[in-house]
């Protein structure tokens, strides 16, 4: 189970209302595609998941990684 990164309360509330960010991250589910988010390429991608809630595939699409 991943732990969501800490955010300002206002931002955290907004993201949780829009995407259930914390719930998805804690359940290892991507907030974008709703697929498994438990395997990452490296520590940086794992950290990014705790920030954005995006799985490796969605991170790659978002950040233009081939």
N, C-alpha and C. Protein backbone atom coordinates (compact mmCIF):
# COMPACT_ATOMS: atom_id res chain seq x y z
N UNK A 1 0.85 -1.19 0.00
CA UNK A 1 0.00 0.00 0.00
C UNK A 1 0.89 1.24 0.00
N UNK A 2 0.66 2.10 -0.95
CA UNK A 2 1.40 3.36 -1.05
C UNK A 2 0.80 4.39 -0.10
N UNK A 3 1.60 5.38 0.23
CA UNK A 3 1.16 6.46 1.12
C UNK A 3 1.13 7.75 0.31
N UNK A 4 -0.02 8.42 0.26
CA UNK A 4 -0.10 9.68 -0.49
C UNK A 4 0.81 10.74 0.11
N UNK A 5 1.44 11.54 -0.74
CA UNK A 5 2.26 12.64 -0.25
C UNK A 5 1.36 13.68 0.42
N UNK A 6 1.95 14.41 1.33
CA UNK A 6 1.21 15.43 2.05
C UNK A 6 0.98 16.65 1.16
N UNK A 7 -0.21 17.18 1.22
CA UNK A 7 -0.58 18.36 0.44
C UNK A 7 -1.23 19.37 1.40
N UNK A 8 -1.29 20.61 0.97
CA UNK A 8 -2.04 21.61 1.73
C UNK A 8 -3.48 21.12 1.83
N UNK A 9 -4.14 21.35 2.96
CA UNK A 9 -5.51 20.83 3.14
C UNK A 9 -6.47 21.19 2.01
N UNK A 10 -6.37 22.40 1.49
CA UNK A 10 -7.27 22.82 0.43
C UNK A 10 -7.04 22.01 -0.85
N UNK A 11 -5.77 21.78 -1.17
CA UNK A 11 -5.43 20.99 -2.36
C UNK A 11 -5.84 19.54 -2.16
N UNK A 12 -5.54 18.99 -1.00
CA UNK A 12 -5.90 17.60 -0.69
C UNK A 12 -7.41 17.41 -0.81
N UNK A 13 -8.18 18.31 -0.25
CA UNK A 13 -9.64 18.21 -0.32
C UNK A 13 -10.12 18.26 -1.77
N UNK A 14 -9.58 19.18 -2.56
CA UNK A 14 -9.97 19.29 -3.96
C UNK A 14 -9.67 18.00 -4.72
N UNK A 15 -8.43 17.49 -4.58
CA UNK A 15 -8.04 16.27 -5.30
C UNK A 15 -8.85 15.07 -4.86
N UNK A 16 -9.18 15.00 -3.58
CA UNK A 16 -9.98 13.87 -3.10
C UNK A 16 -11.42 13.97 -3.57
N UNK A 17 -11.96 15.18 -3.65
CA UNK A 17 -13.32 15.34 -4.17
C UNK A 17 -13.38 15.01 -5.66
N UNK A 18 -12.35 15.39 -6.41
CA UNK A 18 -12.33 15.17 -7.86
C UNK A 18 -11.97 13.73 -8.23
N UNK A 19 -10.98 13.15 -7.54
CA UNK A 19 -10.41 11.87 -7.98
C UNK A 19 -10.33 10.81 -6.89
N UNK A 20 -10.71 11.11 -5.65
CA UNK A 20 -10.44 10.22 -4.52
C UNK A 20 -8.97 9.83 -4.52
N UNK A 21 -8.12 10.84 -4.66
CA UNK A 21 -6.67 10.63 -4.78
C UNK A 21 -6.12 9.75 -3.68
N UNK A 22 -6.37 10.09 -2.43
CA UNK A 22 -5.80 9.32 -1.32
C UNK A 22 -6.27 7.87 -1.34
N UNK A 23 -7.55 7.65 -1.58
CA UNK A 23 -8.09 6.30 -1.62
C UNK A 23 -7.49 5.46 -2.73
N UNK A 24 -7.32 6.07 -3.90
CA UNK A 24 -6.72 5.36 -5.03
C UNK A 24 -5.26 5.01 -4.73
N UNK A 25 -4.51 5.97 -4.22
CA UNK A 25 -3.09 5.72 -3.93
C UNK A 25 -2.95 4.63 -2.88
N UNK A 26 -3.72 4.70 -1.83
CA UNK A 26 -3.65 3.68 -0.77
C UNK A 26 -4.03 2.29 -1.28
N UNK A 27 -4.87 2.23 -2.31
CA UNK A 27 -5.31 0.95 -2.88
C UNK A 27 -4.44 0.52 -4.07
N UNK A 28 -3.40 1.30 -4.39
CA UNK A 28 -2.52 1.02 -5.53
C UNK A 28 -3.29 0.95 -6.84
N UNK A 29 -4.17 1.94 -7.05
CA UNK A 29 -4.95 2.07 -8.27
C UNK A 29 -4.69 3.45 -8.87
N UNK A 30 -4.46 3.50 -10.16
CA UNK A 30 -4.18 4.76 -10.85
C UNK A 30 -5.42 5.66 -10.83
N UNK A 31 -5.23 6.93 -10.54
CA UNK A 31 -6.36 7.86 -10.53
C UNK A 31 -6.85 8.17 -11.94
N UNK A 32 -6.03 7.94 -12.96
CA UNK A 32 -6.43 8.26 -14.33
C UNK A 32 -7.08 7.08 -15.04
N UNK A 33 -6.38 5.95 -15.09
CA UNK A 33 -6.90 4.82 -15.88
C UNK A 33 -7.59 3.77 -15.02
N UNK A 34 -7.49 3.89 -13.71
CA UNK A 34 -8.12 2.98 -12.73
C UNK A 34 -7.54 1.57 -12.76
N UNK A 35 -6.34 1.39 -13.34
CA UNK A 35 -5.68 0.09 -13.37
C UNK A 35 -4.68 -0.02 -12.23
N UNK A 36 -4.09 -1.21 -12.09
CA UNK A 36 -3.11 -1.46 -11.05
C UNK A 36 -1.95 -0.47 -11.12
N UNK A 37 -1.54 -0.01 -9.96
CA UNK A 37 -0.42 0.93 -9.88
C UNK A 37 0.54 0.47 -8.79
N UNK A 38 1.03 -0.74 -8.94
CA UNK A 38 1.93 -1.28 -7.92
C UNK A 38 3.34 -1.57 -8.43
N UNK A 39 3.57 -1.38 -9.74
CA UNK A 39 4.89 -1.65 -10.31
C UNK A 39 5.40 -0.40 -11.01
N UNK A 40 6.61 0.01 -10.62
CA UNK A 40 7.21 1.21 -11.20
C UNK A 40 8.63 0.95 -11.65
N UNK A 41 9.08 1.74 -12.60
CA UNK A 41 10.39 1.58 -13.21
C UNK A 41 11.52 1.86 -12.23
N UNK A 42 11.35 2.85 -11.37
CA UNK A 42 12.42 3.25 -10.46
C UNK A 42 11.85 4.02 -9.27
N UNK A 43 12.73 4.44 -8.38
CA UNK A 43 12.30 5.14 -7.16
C UNK A 43 11.64 6.48 -7.48
N UNK A 44 12.10 7.14 -8.52
CA UNK A 44 11.51 8.44 -8.88
C UNK A 44 10.07 8.26 -9.33
N UNK A 45 9.80 7.23 -10.12
CA UNK A 45 8.43 6.97 -10.57
C UNK A 45 7.54 6.56 -9.40
N UNK A 46 8.09 5.81 -8.47
CA UNK A 46 7.34 5.42 -7.27
C UNK A 46 6.97 6.66 -6.46
N UNK A 47 7.93 7.57 -6.30
CA UNK A 47 7.68 8.82 -5.58
C UNK A 47 6.62 9.65 -6.31
N UNK A 48 6.71 9.71 -7.63
CA UNK A 48 5.72 10.45 -8.42
C UNK A 48 4.33 9.90 -8.19
N UNK A 49 4.21 8.58 -8.06
CA UNK A 49 2.90 7.98 -7.80
C UNK A 49 2.32 8.51 -6.49
N UNK A 50 3.15 8.65 -5.47
CA UNK A 50 2.65 9.16 -4.18
C UNK A 50 2.21 10.62 -4.29
N UNK A 51 2.73 11.32 -5.28
CA UNK A 51 2.37 12.73 -5.49
C UNK A 51 1.12 12.85 -6.38
N UNK A 52 1.15 12.19 -7.54
CA UNK A 52 0.10 12.39 -8.54
C UNK A 52 -0.96 11.30 -8.56
N UNK A 53 -0.59 10.08 -8.14
CA UNK A 53 -1.53 8.97 -8.23
C UNK A 53 -1.56 8.32 -9.60
N UNK A 54 -0.59 8.65 -10.47
CA UNK A 54 -0.55 8.09 -11.81
C UNK A 54 0.32 6.83 -11.85
N UNK A 55 -0.19 5.78 -12.50
CA UNK A 55 0.59 4.55 -12.68
C UNK A 55 1.75 4.82 -13.64
N UNK A 56 2.63 3.82 -13.83
CA UNK A 56 3.79 4.01 -14.71
C UNK A 56 3.38 4.35 -16.14
N UNK A 57 2.38 3.66 -16.66
CA UNK A 57 1.93 3.90 -18.04
C UNK A 57 1.40 5.33 -18.17
N UNK A 58 0.58 5.77 -17.23
CA UNK A 58 0.03 7.13 -17.30
C UNK A 58 1.10 8.19 -17.06
N UNK A 59 2.07 7.90 -16.20
CA UNK A 59 3.19 8.82 -16.03
C UNK A 59 3.95 8.97 -17.34
N UNK A 60 4.22 7.85 -18.00
CA UNK A 60 4.94 7.90 -19.27
C UNK A 60 4.19 8.71 -20.31
N UNK A 61 2.89 8.51 -20.39
CA UNK A 61 2.07 9.29 -21.33
C UNK A 61 2.08 10.77 -20.97
N UNK A 62 1.92 11.07 -19.71
CA UNK A 62 1.85 12.46 -19.24
C UNK A 62 3.15 13.22 -19.45
N UNK A 63 4.27 12.54 -19.16
CA UNK A 63 5.57 13.20 -19.22
C UNK A 63 6.33 12.93 -20.52
N UNK A 64 5.68 12.26 -21.47
CA UNK A 64 6.27 12.05 -22.78
C UNK A 64 7.45 11.10 -22.80
N UNK A 65 7.40 10.06 -21.98
CA UNK A 65 8.47 9.07 -21.94
C UNK A 65 8.09 7.92 -22.88
N UNK A 66 9.05 7.49 -23.69
CA UNK A 66 8.78 6.38 -24.62
C UNK A 66 9.06 5.06 -23.97
